[in-house]
Amino acid sequence: MPVYNVERYLSKCIDSIINQSYKNLEIILVNDGSVDSSGEICEAYSKKIRE
């Protein structure tokens, strides 16, 4: 999923993907140089999912 300056919507979007009934998936977030906190949000989800 492309990520560029979408901190306002990113958590809702990722949560929507995670909460689908289909669970055998891989989420790839591509942060293309965001200047907002989108990158930090991606990192937080990455750590949360690995736990």
N, C-alpha and C. Protein backbone atom coordinates (compact mmCIF):
# COMPACT_ATOMS: atom_id res chain seq x y z
N MET A 1 0.85 -1.15 0.00
CA MET A 1 0.00 0.00 0.00
C MET A 1 0.91 1.23 0.00
N PRO A 2 0.70 2.15 -0.91
CA PRO A 2 1.51 3.37 -0.90
C PRO A 2 1.14 4.27 0.26
N VAL A 3 2.16 4.86 0.85
CA VAL A 3 1.95 5.74 2.00
C VAL A 3 2.70 7.05 1.73
N TYR A 4 1.99 8.15 1.63
CA TYR A 4 2.64 9.44 1.47
C TYR A 4 1.77 10.52 2.10
N ASN A 5 2.21 11.03 3.23
CA ASN A 5 1.51 12.10 3.96
C ASN A 5 0.03 11.79 4.19
N VAL A 6 -0.24 10.64 4.76
CA VAL A 6 -1.62 10.22 5.03
C VAL A 6 -1.83 9.89 6.50
N GLU A 7 -1.08 10.55 7.38
CA GLU A 7 -1.19 10.22 8.80
C GLU A 7 -2.62 10.31 9.31
N ARG A 8 -3.39 11.18 8.73
CA ARG A 8 -4.77 11.37 9.18
C ARG A 8 -5.65 10.14 8.94
N TYR A 9 -5.34 9.37 7.90
CA TYR A 9 -6.18 8.23 7.51
C TYR A 9 -5.49 6.88 7.67
N LEU A 10 -4.21 6.88 7.91
CA LEU A 10 -3.43 5.65 7.85
C LEU A 10 -3.86 4.58 8.86
N SER A 11 -4.05 4.95 10.09
CA SER A 11 -4.44 3.96 11.11
C SER A 11 -5.77 3.32 10.78
N LYS A 12 -6.73 4.11 10.35
CA LYS A 12 -8.05 3.57 9.99
C LYS A 12 -7.92 2.59 8.81
N CYS A 13 -7.10 2.94 7.84
CA CYS A 13 -6.90 2.08 6.68
C CYS A 13 -6.22 0.76 7.06
N ILE A 14 -5.16 0.84 7.84
CA ILE A 14 -4.45 -0.38 8.26
C ILE A 14 -5.35 -1.25 9.13
N ASP A 15 -6.08 -0.64 10.05
CA ASP A 15 -7.01 -1.41 10.89
C ASP A 15 -8.06 -2.12 10.04
N SER A 16 -8.53 -1.46 9.01
CA SER A 16 -9.52 -2.06 8.12
C SER A 16 -8.95 -3.30 7.43
N ILE A 17 -7.70 -3.22 7.00
CA ILE A 17 -7.07 -4.37 6.36
C ILE A 17 -6.87 -5.50 7.36
N ILE A 18 -6.38 -5.18 8.55
CA ILE A 18 -6.13 -6.19 9.58
C ILE A 18 -7.40 -6.89 10.02
N ASN A 19 -8.51 -6.17 10.07
CA ASN A 19 -9.76 -6.72 10.59
C ASN A 19 -10.62 -7.42 9.55
N GLN A 20 -10.10 -7.67 8.37
CA GLN A 20 -10.83 -8.44 7.38
C GLN A 20 -10.99 -9.88 7.86
N SER A 21 -11.97 -10.57 7.31
CA SER A 21 -12.15 -11.97 7.69
C SER A 21 -11.05 -12.86 7.10
N TYR A 22 -10.50 -12.48 5.98
CA TYR A 22 -9.39 -13.23 5.38
C TYR A 22 -8.10 -12.87 6.12
N LYS A 23 -7.47 -13.84 6.73
CA LYS A 23 -6.32 -13.58 7.60
C LYS A 23 -4.98 -13.96 6.99
N ASN A 24 -4.97 -14.70 5.89
CA ASN A 24 -3.72 -15.15 5.30
C ASN A 24 -3.23 -14.11 4.29
N LEU A 25 -2.75 -12.98 4.81
CA LEU A 25 -2.29 -11.92 3.92
C LEU A 25 -1.04 -11.27 4.46
N GLU A 26 -0.38 -10.57 3.60
CA GLU A 26 0.81 -9.82 3.96
C GLU A 26 0.55 -8.36 3.59
N ILE A 27 0.80 -7.47 4.52
CA ILE A 27 0.59 -6.06 4.27
C ILE A 27 1.95 -5.42 4.04
N ILE A 28 2.11 -4.80 2.90
CA ILE A 28 3.36 -4.11 2.58
C ILE A 28 3.05 -2.63 2.48
N LEU A 29 3.65 -1.86 3.37
CA LEU A 29 3.46 -0.41 3.38
C LEU A 29 4.71 0.23 2.80
N VAL A 30 4.55 1.04 1.78
CA VAL A 30 5.68 1.70 1.13
C VAL A 30 5.58 3.19 1.43
N ASN A 31 6.45 3.65 2.31
CA ASN A 31 6.50 5.07 2.67
C ASN A 31 7.45 5.77 1.71
N ASP A 32 6.91 6.64 0.88
CA ASP A 32 7.69 7.29 -0.17
C ASP A 32 8.10 8.70 0.23
N GLY A 33 8.75 8.82 1.38
CA GLY A 33 9.30 10.10 1.81
C GLY A 33 8.30 11.04 2.45
N SER A 34 7.37 10.52 3.18
CA SER A 34 6.39 11.36 3.86
C SER A 34 7.08 12.34 4.79
N VAL A 35 6.53 13.54 4.88
CA VAL A 35 7.08 14.54 5.79
C VAL A 35 6.23 14.68 7.05
N ASP A 36 5.16 13.89 7.14
CA ASP A 36 4.34 13.88 8.35
C ASP A 36 4.73 12.65 9.17
N SER A 37 3.90 12.21 10.07
CA SER A 37 4.25 11.07 10.93
C SER A 37 3.79 9.73 10.36
N SER A 38 3.54 9.65 9.08
CA SER A 38 3.12 8.39 8.45
C SER A 38 4.15 7.28 8.67
N GLY A 39 5.42 7.61 8.53
CA GLY A 39 6.48 6.61 8.73
C GLY A 39 6.48 6.04 10.13
N GLU A 40 6.29 6.88 11.12
CA GLU A 40 6.26 6.42 12.51
C GLU A 40 5.05 5.53 12.75
N ILE A 41 3.93 5.84 12.12
CA ILE A 41 2.73 5.02 12.26
C ILE A 41 2.99 3.64 11.66
N CYS A 42 3.62 3.60 10.50
CA CYS A 42 3.96 2.32 9.87
C CYS A 42 4.86 1.49 10.78
N GLU A 43 5.86 2.11 11.35
CA GLU A 43 6.78 1.42 12.26
C GLU A 43 6.04 0.88 13.47
N ALA A 44 5.13 1.66 14.03
CA ALA A 44 4.37 1.23 15.20
C ALA A 44 3.52 0.00 14.88
N TYR A 45 2.88 -0.01 13.73
CA TYR A 45 2.09 -1.17 13.34
C TYR A 45 2.98 -2.38 13.08
N SER A 46 4.13 -2.15 12.50
CA SER A 46 5.05 -3.24 12.24
C SER A 46 5.45 -3.92 13.54
N LYS A 47 5.77 -3.14 14.55
CA LYS A 47 6.15 -3.70 15.85
C LYS A 47 4.97 -4.38 16.52
N LYS A 48 3.78 -3.79 16.40
CA LYS A 48 2.57 -4.33 17.03
C LYS A 48 2.20 -5.68 16.43
N ILE A 49 2.30 -5.82 15.13
CA ILE A 49 1.92 -7.05 14.44
C ILE A 49 2.92 -8.16 14.72
N ARG A 50 4.18 -7.83 14.89
CA ARG A 50 5.21 -8.85 15.14
C ARG A 50 5.11 -9.45 16.53
N GLU A 51 4.42 -8.79 17.45
CA GLU A 51 4.31 -9.30 18.83
C GLU A 51 3.45 -10.50 18.93
